[in-house]
Structure formats: structure tokens, C-alpha cells
Amino acid sequence: MRNRLQRLYGRGDLHFITFSCYRRRPLLGTPRARHHFVKILDQVRSRHHIQLIGYVVMPEHVHLLLSEPERGNPSKVLQVLKQGVSRALRKRPRKSSTVQLTLRFAPAQPDAPAFGQRRFYDFNVWSEKKLKEKLDYMHRNPVERKLVLHPKDWAWSSWSHYERERPA
């Protein structure tokens, strides 16, 4: 029998959350899919009044560093986020006019019954040291996976926000 994950909510901690796409499939493998994800993440952040401290969207998984919402808990926020992204990615692309060049996107995967795995990893971040460690880890992820040479080259992360904040 699996050990049940213990979620520690209500303490005002930040949460480092990692979740995978269904069966680790690269459902976020295209720029279009990642742009949809970031747009919906911003909508959920605003609607649920959470502070988004950091994020990175990878082809088959996502890392988030966020506060607890004013109401509810991070599990509920994640459920809303995954459902919104799933709906957006399952929409059929609009038919292009005959004048426009048709661009090919990654084929939809209708056999995937869900966007994300049901379970997710949640680590309570309670110190500045852990905060920096988790941000560095998530921002280095695209480089470690050899998707880019430098974190600045991965558009789907919060790295650029922190780079702009550094004193010159």
C-alpha cells in the first residue's frame, strides 16, 4: 500500500509544487501549449489571490512556487489550473482561412484521459535558503535537460523576472 502524501496547509508557508502531465507525456511540448499554460496560470493566480513566486513549464512537467490562496488550499488551486489547461489544450484549432499559411502543431493526444497526473509533489518552503534553492533548481531545469544553453533562453519560466530585479 502506498504511503499517503501529507499536505501541510494553513501555516502560511510557500509551496514548491511539481506535477507531471498524464503518464509523463509531453503535453506541453509545443510553444503554443506552454503559452496556453502560462496564460491560464496567470488567470488562476489572479482569481485565487495567490502569490506566484516562481515557475517553469517543461514539456512533460511543471514546477510552481506559490503562496497559499486566501480561500481554499493549493490542492484546489492546482485542480482548477489543470482543468483549465486541459480544456484549453483539447479545444480544436480554429480553421484557417484559405489565404493563411497552415502551420502544423504537435498532434493532439485524444487518448490521454487527463492533462495531469492526479498526484503531485508539494514541499513546504519555510526559509530563505530553501526559497533560493527551489528557485535555482526550477530555473536551471531547462538547461539541465539540454533544452537551452542558459535559463534566459527558456521563455516559460520566471527567470527573467528575477534577472530584471538584480541590481546592476
N, C-alpha and C. Protein backbone atom coordinates (compact mmCIF):
# COMPACT_ATOMS: atom_id res chain seq x y z
N MET A 1 0.84 -1.18 0.00
CA MET A 1 0.00 0.00 0.00
C MET A 1 0.89 1.24 0.00
N ARG A 2 0.53 2.22 -0.81
CA ARG A 2 1.28 3.47 -0.90
C ARG A 2 1.14 4.29 0.38
N ASN A 3 2.21 5.00 0.70
CA ASN A 3 2.11 5.98 1.78
C ASN A 3 1.30 7.16 1.27
N ARG A 4 0.38 7.61 2.10
CA ARG A 4 -0.40 8.79 1.71
C ARG A 4 0.46 10.02 1.87
N LEU A 5 0.41 10.89 0.88
CA LEU A 5 1.13 12.15 0.97
C LEU A 5 0.47 13.01 2.05
N GLN A 6 1.28 13.66 2.84
CA GLN A 6 0.74 14.54 3.87
C GLN A 6 0.91 15.98 3.41
N ARG A 7 -0.19 16.67 3.28
CA ARG A 7 -0.17 18.07 2.87
C ARG A 7 -0.26 18.94 4.12
N LEU A 8 0.60 19.90 4.22
CA LEU A 8 0.61 20.81 5.37
C LEU A 8 0.14 22.18 4.90
N TYR A 9 -1.14 22.46 5.10
CA TYR A 9 -1.74 23.71 4.68
C TYR A 9 -2.15 24.53 5.91
N GLY A 10 -2.34 25.82 5.68
CA GLY A 10 -2.84 26.69 6.73
C GLY A 10 -1.76 27.29 7.61
N ARG A 11 -0.50 27.07 7.28
CA ARG A 11 0.60 27.60 8.10
C ARG A 11 1.21 28.86 7.49
N GLY A 12 0.72 29.23 6.30
CA GLY A 12 1.25 30.42 5.63
C GLY A 12 2.57 30.18 4.91
N ASP A 13 2.97 28.92 4.77
CA ASP A 13 4.20 28.60 4.06
C ASP A 13 4.03 28.81 2.56
N LEU A 14 5.15 28.95 1.87
CA LEU A 14 5.14 28.85 0.41
C LEU A 14 5.15 27.37 0.08
N HIS A 15 4.70 27.03 -1.13
CA HIS A 15 4.64 25.64 -1.56
C HIS A 15 5.39 25.47 -2.87
N PHE A 16 6.36 24.56 -2.87
CA PHE A 16 7.06 24.18 -4.09
C PHE A 16 6.33 22.95 -4.61
N ILE A 17 5.65 23.12 -5.73
CA ILE A 17 4.79 22.07 -6.28
C ILE A 17 5.36 21.60 -7.61
N THR A 18 5.38 20.29 -7.77
CA THR A 18 5.77 19.69 -9.04
C THR A 18 4.68 18.72 -9.45
N PHE A 19 4.23 18.83 -10.69
CA PHE A 19 3.31 17.83 -11.20
C PHE A 19 3.68 17.48 -12.63
N SER A 20 3.33 16.28 -13.01
CA SER A 20 3.64 15.76 -14.35
C SER A 20 2.38 15.71 -15.19
N CYS A 21 2.58 15.81 -16.48
CA CYS A 21 1.49 15.57 -17.42
C CYS A 21 1.15 14.08 -17.35
N TYR A 22 -0.02 13.73 -17.85
CA TYR A 22 -0.50 12.36 -17.81
C TYR A 22 0.55 11.41 -18.39
N ARG A 23 0.94 10.45 -17.57
CA ARG A 23 1.95 9.44 -17.93
C ARG A 23 3.24 10.05 -18.47
N ARG A 24 3.59 11.24 -17.98
CA ARG A 24 4.80 11.98 -18.37
C ARG A 24 4.87 12.24 -19.88
N ARG A 25 3.72 12.30 -20.51
CA ARG A 25 3.68 12.62 -21.94
C ARG A 25 4.01 14.10 -22.13
N PRO A 26 4.64 14.47 -23.22
CA PRO A 26 4.99 15.88 -23.45
C PRO A 26 3.79 16.70 -23.94
N LEU A 27 2.76 16.78 -23.12
CA LEU A 27 1.56 17.51 -23.50
C LEU A 27 1.80 19.02 -23.54
N LEU A 28 2.91 19.47 -22.95
CA LEU A 28 3.32 20.88 -23.02
C LEU A 28 4.56 20.99 -23.90
N GLY A 29 4.63 20.15 -24.89
CA GLY A 29 5.82 20.05 -25.73
C GLY A 29 5.92 21.08 -26.84
N THR A 30 4.90 21.90 -27.02
CA THR A 30 4.97 22.93 -28.06
C THR A 30 4.94 24.32 -27.41
N PRO A 31 5.51 25.30 -28.07
CA PRO A 31 5.40 26.67 -27.54
C PRO A 31 3.95 27.10 -27.34
N ARG A 32 3.09 26.72 -28.25
CA ARG A 32 1.67 27.07 -28.16
C ARG A 32 1.06 26.52 -26.87
N ALA A 33 1.33 25.27 -26.55
CA ALA A 33 0.79 24.65 -25.34
C ALA A 33 1.35 25.34 -24.09
N ARG A 34 2.64 25.64 -24.11
CA ARG A 34 3.25 26.30 -22.94
C ARG A 34 2.70 27.72 -22.77
N HIS A 35 2.45 28.42 -23.88
CA HIS A 35 1.86 29.76 -23.79
C HIS A 35 0.46 29.68 -23.18
N HIS A 36 -0.33 28.69 -23.61
CA HIS A 36 -1.66 28.48 -23.02
C HIS A 36 -1.53 28.26 -21.51
N PHE A 37 -0.58 27.42 -21.13
CA PHE A 37 -0.40 27.12 -19.71
C PHE A 37 -0.10 28.39 -18.92
N VAL A 38 0.85 29.19 -19.39
CA VAL A 38 1.24 30.41 -18.67
C VAL A 38 0.07 31.39 -18.58
N LYS A 39 -0.70 31.50 -19.64
CA LYS A 39 -1.86 32.40 -19.64
C LYS A 39 -2.89 31.95 -18.60
N ILE A 40 -3.17 30.67 -18.55
CA ILE A 40 -4.15 30.15 -17.59
C ILE A 40 -3.60 30.22 -16.16
N LEU A 41 -2.30 29.98 -16.00
CA LEU A 41 -1.68 30.12 -14.69
C LEU A 41 -1.88 31.54 -14.16
N ASP A 42 -1.71 32.54 -15.01
CA ASP A 42 -1.91 33.93 -14.59
C ASP A 42 -3.37 34.19 -14.21
N GLN A 43 -4.30 33.63 -14.95
CA GLN A 43 -5.72 33.79 -14.62
C GLN A 43 -6.05 33.16 -13.27
N VAL A 44 -5.53 31.96 -13.04
CA VAL A 44 -5.78 31.27 -11.77
C VAL A 44 -5.13 32.02 -10.62
N ARG A 45 -3.92 32.51 -10.84
CA ARG A 45 -3.21 33.30 -9.82
C ARG A 45 -4.05 34.49 -9.40
N SER A 46 -4.58 35.20 -10.37
CA SER A 46 -5.37 36.39 -10.10
C SER A 46 -6.69 36.04 -9.41
N ARG A 47 -7.38 35.06 -9.92
CA ARG A 47 -8.70 34.69 -9.40
C ARG A 47 -8.62 34.15 -7.97
N HIS A 48 -7.57 33.40 -7.66
CA HIS A 48 -7.46 32.77 -6.34
C HIS A 48 -6.56 33.54 -5.37
N HIS A 49 -6.09 34.69 -5.81
CA HIS A 49 -5.29 35.58 -4.96
C HIS A 49 -4.09 34.85 -4.34
N ILE A 50 -3.30 34.26 -5.21
CA ILE A 50 -2.07 33.63 -4.74
C ILE A 50 -0.89 34.45 -5.23
N GLN A 51 0.20 34.37 -4.50
CA GLN A 51 1.44 34.97 -4.96
C GLN A 51 2.20 33.89 -5.71
N LEU A 52 2.51 34.16 -6.95
CA LEU A 52 3.31 33.23 -7.74
C LEU A 52 4.76 33.69 -7.62
N ILE A 53 5.55 32.95 -6.88
CA ILE A 53 6.93 33.32 -6.60
C ILE A 53 7.84 32.89 -7.75
N GLY A 54 7.55 31.75 -8.33
CA GLY A 54 8.35 31.25 -9.45
C GLY A 54 7.65 30.11 -10.16
N TYR A 55 8.08 29.86 -11.39
CA TYR A 55 7.52 28.75 -12.16
C TYR A 55 8.47 28.39 -13.29
N VAL A 56 8.33 27.17 -13.77
CA VAL A 56 8.93 26.75 -15.03
C VAL A 56 8.00 25.70 -15.63
N VAL A 57 7.74 25.84 -16.92
CA VAL A 57 6.87 24.92 -17.65
C VAL A 57 7.77 24.11 -18.58
N MET A 58 7.86 22.83 -18.31
CA MET A 58 8.67 21.91 -19.10
C MET A 58 7.73 21.12 -20.03
N PRO A 59 8.26 20.40 -21.02
CA PRO A 59 7.38 19.67 -21.94
C PRO A 59 6.44 18.66 -21.26
N GLU A 60 6.91 18.00 -20.19
CA GLU A 60 6.08 16.97 -19.56
C GLU A 60 5.85 17.17 -18.06
N HIS A 61 6.33 18.27 -17.50
CA HIS A 61 6.06 18.57 -16.09
C HIS A 61 6.18 20.06 -15.82
N VAL A 62 5.73 20.46 -14.64
CA VAL A 62 5.71 21.87 -14.24
C VAL A 62 6.19 21.98 -12.80
N HIS A 63 6.95 23.04 -12.52
CA HIS A 63 7.33 23.40 -11.15
C HIS A 63 6.70 24.75 -10.85
N LEU A 64 6.08 24.86 -9.68
CA LEU A 64 5.48 26.11 -9.23
C LEU A 64 5.96 26.40 -7.81
N LEU A 65 6.19 27.65 -7.51
CA LEU A 65 6.49 28.08 -6.15
C LEU A 65 5.47 29.16 -5.85
N LEU A 66 4.54 28.87 -4.94
CA LEU A 66 3.43 29.79 -4.71
C LEU A 66 3.00 29.84 -3.26
N SER A 67 2.24 30.89 -2.95
CA SER A 67 1.67 31.04 -1.61
C SER A 67 0.37 30.26 -1.55
N GLU A 68 -0.16 30.17 -0.35
CA GLU A 68 -1.49 29.57 -0.20
C GLU A 68 -2.53 30.60 -0.63
N PRO A 69 -3.65 30.14 -1.19
CA PRO A 69 -4.68 31.09 -1.60
C PRO A 69 -5.39 31.69 -0.37
N GLU A 70 -6.10 32.79 -0.59
CA GLU A 70 -6.87 33.40 0.50
C GLU A 70 -7.92 32.42 1.02
N ARG A 71 -8.56 31.72 0.10
CA ARG A 71 -9.55 30.70 0.48
C ARG A 71 -9.17 29.40 -0.19
N GLY A 72 -9.45 28.30 0.44
CA GLY A 72 -9.10 27.01 -0.12
C GLY A 72 -7.67 26.65 0.20
N ASN A 73 -7.09 25.83 -0.66
CA ASN A 73 -5.71 25.39 -0.44
C ASN A 73 -5.03 25.15 -1.78
N PRO A 74 -3.72 24.94 -1.77
CA PRO A 74 -3.01 24.73 -3.04
C PRO A 74 -3.53 23.55 -3.87
N SER A 75 -4.05 22.52 -3.22
CA SER A 75 -4.60 21.38 -3.97
C SER A 75 -5.76 21.83 -4.85
N LYS A 76 -6.63 22.66 -4.30
CA LYS A 76 -7.78 23.15 -5.06
C LYS A 76 -7.33 24.05 -6.21
N VAL A 77 -6.34 24.92 -5.93
CA VAL A 77 -5.81 25.80 -6.98
C VAL A 77 -5.22 24.97 -8.11
N LEU A 78 -4.49 23.92 -7.76
CA LEU A 78 -3.88 23.06 -8.77
C LEU A 78 -4.95 22.34 -9.59
N GLN A 79 -6.02 21.91 -8.94
CA GLN A 79 -7.11 21.26 -9.66
C GLN A 79 -7.72 22.21 -10.69
N VAL A 80 -7.97 23.45 -10.29
CA VAL A 80 -8.54 24.45 -11.20
C VAL A 80 -7.58 24.71 -12.35
N LEU A 81 -6.29 24.84 -12.04
CA LEU A 81 -5.28 25.09 -13.07
C LEU A 81 -5.24 23.94 -14.09
N LYS A 82 -5.15 22.72 -13.61
CA LYS A 82 -5.07 21.58 -14.52
C LYS A 82 -6.32 21.45 -15.39
N GLN A 83 -7.49 21.69 -14.79
CA GLN A 83 -8.73 21.61 -15.57
C GLN A 83 -8.77 22.68 -16.66
N GLY A 84 -8.36 23.89 -16.31
CA GLY A 84 -8.34 24.97 -17.29
C GLY A 84 -7.39 24.70 -18.44
N VAL A 85 -6.22 24.20 -18.12
CA VAL A 85 -5.23 23.90 -19.16
C VAL A 85 -5.73 22.74 -20.03
N SER A 86 -6.30 21.74 -19.40
CA SER A 86 -6.83 20.59 -20.15
C SER A 86 -7.89 21.05 -21.15
N ARG A 87 -8.80 21.90 -20.69
CA ARG A 87 -9.85 22.40 -21.61
C ARG A 87 -9.24 23.19 -22.76
N ALA A 88 -8.28 24.05 -22.45
CA ALA A 88 -7.67 24.89 -23.49
C ALA A 88 -6.92 24.04 -24.52
N LEU A 89 -6.20 23.02 -24.04
CA LEU A 89 -5.41 22.22 -24.97
C LEU A 89 -6.26 21.24 -25.78
N ARG A 90 -7.44 20.91 -25.30
CA ARG A 90 -8.31 19.98 -26.03
C ARG A 90 -9.18 20.67 -27.06
N LYS A 91 -9.25 22.02 -26.99
CA LYS A 91 -10.05 22.73 -27.99
C LYS A 91 -9.48 22.47 -29.36
N ARG A 92 -10.35 22.32 -30.30
CA ARG A 92 -9.88 22.13 -31.68
C ARG A 92 -9.35 23.44 -32.21
N PRO A 93 -8.23 23.40 -32.94
CA PRO A 93 -7.71 24.64 -33.51
C PRO A 93 -8.70 25.22 -34.51
N ARG A 94 -8.77 26.56 -34.55
CA ARG A 94 -9.66 27.22 -35.50
C ARG A 94 -9.21 26.90 -36.92
N LYS A 95 -10.19 26.79 -37.80
CA LYS A 95 -9.85 26.58 -39.21
C LYS A 95 -9.25 27.86 -39.75
N SER A 96 -8.16 27.70 -40.46
CA SER A 96 -7.52 28.88 -41.03
C SER A 96 -8.18 29.24 -42.35
N SER A 97 -8.08 30.51 -42.69
CA SER A 97 -8.65 30.92 -43.97
C SER A 97 -7.76 30.35 -45.08
N THR A 98 -8.27 30.32 -46.27
CA THR A 98 -7.51 29.77 -47.38
C THR A 98 -6.33 30.65 -47.75
N VAL A 99 -6.34 31.91 -47.28
CA VAL A 99 -5.26 32.84 -47.59
C VAL A 99 -4.05 32.60 -46.68
N GLN A 100 -4.31 32.15 -45.45
CA GLN A 100 -3.23 31.97 -44.49
C GLN A 100 -2.47 30.67 -44.72
N LEU A 101 -1.20 30.71 -44.38
CA LEU A 101 -0.37 29.51 -44.41
C LEU A 101 -0.75 28.64 -43.22
N THR A 102 -0.96 27.38 -43.43
CA THR A 102 -1.32 26.49 -42.34
C THR A 102 -0.05 26.02 -41.64
N LEU A 103 -0.02 26.23 -40.32
CA LEU A 103 1.12 25.78 -39.52
C LEU A 103 0.75 24.48 -38.82
N ARG A 104 1.69 23.55 -38.80
CA ARG A 104 1.43 22.27 -38.15
C ARG A 104 1.90 22.34 -36.70
N PHE A 105 1.01 21.97 -35.79
CA PHE A 105 1.34 21.88 -34.39
C PHE A 105 1.45 20.41 -34.03
N ALA A 106 1.99 20.15 -32.86
CA ALA A 106 2.06 18.77 -32.41
C ALA A 106 0.65 18.19 -32.41
N PRO A 107 0.50 16.96 -32.85
CA PRO A 107 -0.84 16.38 -32.91
C PRO A 107 -1.43 16.24 -31.51
N ALA A 108 -2.74 16.46 -31.43
CA ALA A 108 -3.42 16.28 -30.15
C ALA A 108 -3.34 14.82 -29.75
N GLN A 109 -3.45 14.58 -28.47
CA GLN A 109 -3.39 13.21 -27.98
C GLN A 109 -4.73 12.87 -27.33
N PRO A 110 -5.73 12.54 -28.16
CA PRO A 110 -7.07 12.31 -27.62
C PRO A 110 -7.14 11.09 -26.71
N ASP A 111 -6.14 10.23 -26.77
CA ASP A 111 -6.18 9.04 -25.93
C ASP A 111 -5.76 9.34 -24.49
N ALA A 112 -5.29 10.57 -24.23
CA ALA A 112 -4.92 10.94 -22.86
C ALA A 112 -6.21 11.33 -22.13
N PRO A 113 -6.62 10.57 -21.12
CA PRO A 113 -7.87 10.86 -20.44
C PRO A 113 -7.79 12.09 -19.54
N ALA A 114 -6.60 12.59 -19.28
CA ALA A 114 -6.43 13.75 -18.41
C ALA A 114 -5.21 14.53 -18.85
N PHE A 115 -5.12 15.77 -18.40
CA PHE A 115 -3.94 16.57 -18.69
C PHE A 115 -2.81 16.22 -17.72
N GLY A 116 -3.12 16.20 -16.45
CA GLY A 116 -2.07 15.98 -15.45
C GLY A 116 -2.27 14.70 -14.67
N GLN A 117 -1.17 14.23 -14.10
CA GLN A 117 -1.27 13.11 -13.17
C GLN A 117 -2.10 13.57 -11.98
N ARG A 118 -2.79 12.66 -11.33
CA ARG A 118 -3.63 13.03 -10.20
C ARG A 118 -2.81 13.50 -9.01
N ARG A 119 -1.71 12.86 -8.77
CA ARG A 119 -0.89 13.19 -7.61
C ARG A 119 0.14 14.26 -7.98
N PHE A 120 0.63 14.95 -6.97
CA PHE A 120 1.67 15.94 -7.20
C PHE A 120 2.55 16.02 -5.96
N TYR A 121 3.73 16.54 -6.16
CA TYR A 121 4.70 16.71 -5.08
C TYR A 121 4.55 18.11 -4.52
N ASP A 122 4.47 18.22 -3.19
CA ASP A 122 4.30 19.51 -2.53
C ASP A 122 5.29 19.59 -1.37
N PHE A 123 6.18 20.56 -1.44
CA PHE A 123 7.19 20.76 -0.41
C PHE A 123 6.97 22.13 0.22
N ASN A 124 6.77 22.17 1.54
CA ASN A 124 6.61 23.44 2.23
C ASN A 124 7.96 24.15 2.33
N VAL A 125 7.99 25.38 1.83
CA VAL A 125 9.21 26.19 1.86
C VAL A 125 9.07 27.19 3.01
N TRP A 126 9.94 27.07 3.98
CA TRP A 126 9.81 27.88 5.18
C TRP A 126 11.05 28.71 5.50
N SER A 127 12.05 28.70 4.64
CA SER A 127 13.24 29.51 4.91
C SER A 127 13.72 30.17 3.62
N GLU A 128 14.46 31.26 3.77
CA GLU A 128 15.04 31.95 2.61
C GLU A 128 15.99 31.04 1.85
N LYS A 129 16.74 30.22 2.58
CA LYS A 129 17.69 29.30 1.95
C LYS A 129 16.96 28.31 1.04
N LYS A 130 15.86 27.73 1.52
CA LYS A 130 15.08 26.79 0.71
C LYS A 130 14.42 27.50 -0.46
N LEU A 131 13.98 28.73 -0.25
CA LEU A 131 13.36 29.51 -1.32
C LEU A 131 14.33 29.68 -2.47
N LYS A 132 15.54 30.12 -2.16
CA LYS A 132 16.57 30.30 -3.19
C LYS A 132 16.92 28.97 -3.86
N GLU A 133 17.04 27.92 -3.07
CA GLU A 133 17.37 26.59 -3.61
C GLU A 133 16.31 26.13 -4.61
N LYS A 134 15.04 26.29 -4.27
CA LYS A 134 13.96 25.84 -5.15
C LYS A 134 13.88 26.70 -6.41
N LEU A 135 14.05 28.02 -6.27
CA LEU A 135 14.05 28.88 -7.46
C LEU A 135 15.20 28.53 -8.40
N ASP A 136 16.39 28.36 -7.84
CA ASP A 136 17.55 27.99 -8.66
C ASP A 136 17.32 26.65 -9.36
N TYR A 137 16.77 25.69 -8.63
CA TYR A 137 16.51 24.36 -9.20
C TYR A 137 15.55 24.47 -10.39
N MET A 138 14.44 25.16 -10.19
CA MET A 138 13.45 25.22 -11.27
C MET A 138 13.97 26.01 -12.47
N HIS A 139 14.71 27.09 -12.23
CA HIS A 139 15.22 27.88 -13.35
C HIS A 139 16.33 27.17 -14.12
N ARG A 140 17.06 26.29 -13.46
CA ARG A 140 18.11 25.52 -14.15
C ARG A 140 17.56 24.31 -14.90
N ASN A 141 16.33 23.94 -14.63
CA ASN A 141 15.75 22.73 -15.21
C ASN A 141 15.84 22.66 -16.73
N PRO A 142 15.49 23.70 -17.49
CA PRO A 142 15.60 23.62 -18.95
C PRO A 142 17.05 23.46 -19.43
N VAL A 143 18.01 24.02 -18.68
CA VAL A 143 19.42 23.88 -19.03
C VAL A 143 19.88 22.45 -18.76
N GLU A 144 19.51 21.91 -17.60
CA GLU A 144 19.88 20.54 -17.24
C GLU A 144 19.33 19.54 -18.25
N ARG A 145 18.14 19.82 -18.77
CA ARG A 145 17.50 18.94 -19.75
C ARG A 145 18.00 19.20 -21.17
N LYS A 146 18.94 20.14 -21.32
CA LYS A 146 19.54 20.48 -22.61
C LYS A 146 18.53 21.01 -23.62
N LEU A 147 17.52 21.73 -23.11
CA LEU A 147 16.56 22.40 -23.99
C LEU A 147 17.07 23.77 -24.42
N VAL A 148 17.91 24.37 -23.56
CA VAL A 148 18.53 25.67 -23.84
C VAL A 148 19.91 25.69 -23.20
N LEU A 149 20.71 26.68 -23.59
CA LEU A 149 22.05 26.81 -23.01
C LEU A 149 22.06 27.64 -21.73
N HIS A 150 21.08 28.54 -21.59
CA HIS A 150 21.03 29.44 -20.43
C HIS A 150 19.55 29.63 -20.05
N PRO A 151 19.25 29.78 -18.76
CA PRO A 151 17.84 29.97 -18.35
C PRO A 151 17.15 31.13 -19.06
N LYS A 152 17.91 32.16 -19.45
CA LYS A 152 17.29 33.31 -20.13
C LYS A 152 16.65 32.91 -21.46
N ASP A 153 17.08 31.78 -22.02
CA ASP A 153 16.59 31.34 -23.33
C ASP A 153 15.29 30.54 -23.25
N TRP A 154 14.82 30.25 -22.04
CA TRP A 154 13.57 29.48 -21.87
C TRP A 154 12.47 30.47 -21.49
N ALA A 155 11.58 30.73 -22.40
CA ALA A 155 10.56 31.77 -22.22
C ALA A 155 9.48 31.41 -21.19
N TRP A 156 9.38 30.15 -20.83
CA TRP A 156 8.27 29.71 -19.99
C TRP A 156 8.72 29.48 -18.55
N SER A 157 9.37 30.49 -18.00
CA SER A 157 9.78 30.43 -16.60
C SER A 157 9.83 31.84 -16.03
N SER A 158 9.99 31.91 -14.73
CA SER A 158 10.06 33.21 -14.05
C SER A 158 11.48 33.75 -13.97
N TRP A 159 12.44 33.11 -14.62
CA TRP A 159 13.84 33.51 -14.53
C TRP A 159 14.03 34.98 -14.90
N SER A 160 13.40 35.43 -15.98
CA SER A 160 13.62 36.80 -16.45
C SER A 160 13.13 37.83 -15.43
N HIS A 161 12.10 37.50 -14.69
CA HIS A 161 11.62 38.40 -13.64
C HIS A 161 12.71 38.65 -12.60
N TYR A 162 13.38 37.59 -12.20
CA TYR A 162 14.42 37.73 -11.18
C TYR A 162 15.68 38.40 -11.75
N GLU A 163 15.95 38.19 -13.02
CA GLU A 163 17.11 38.83 -13.64
C GLU A 163 16.90 40.34 -13.71
N ARG A 164 15.68 40.77 -14.01
CA ARG A 164 15.38 42.21 -14.06
C ARG A 164 15.49 42.86 -12.68
N GLU A 165 15.23 42.09 -11.64
CA GLU A 165 15.25 42.61 -10.27
C GLU A 165 16.67 42.79 -9.72
N ARG A 166 17.66 42.13 -10.33
CA ARG A 166 19.05 42.22 -9.82
C ARG A 166 19.60 43.62 -9.98
N PRO A 167 20.29 44.11 -8.94
CA PRO A 167 20.93 45.43 -9.10
C PRO A 167 22.07 45.36 -10.11
N ALA A 168 22.26 46.44 -10.87
CA ALA A 168 23.30 46.47 -11.91
C ALA A 168 24.68 46.63 -11.31
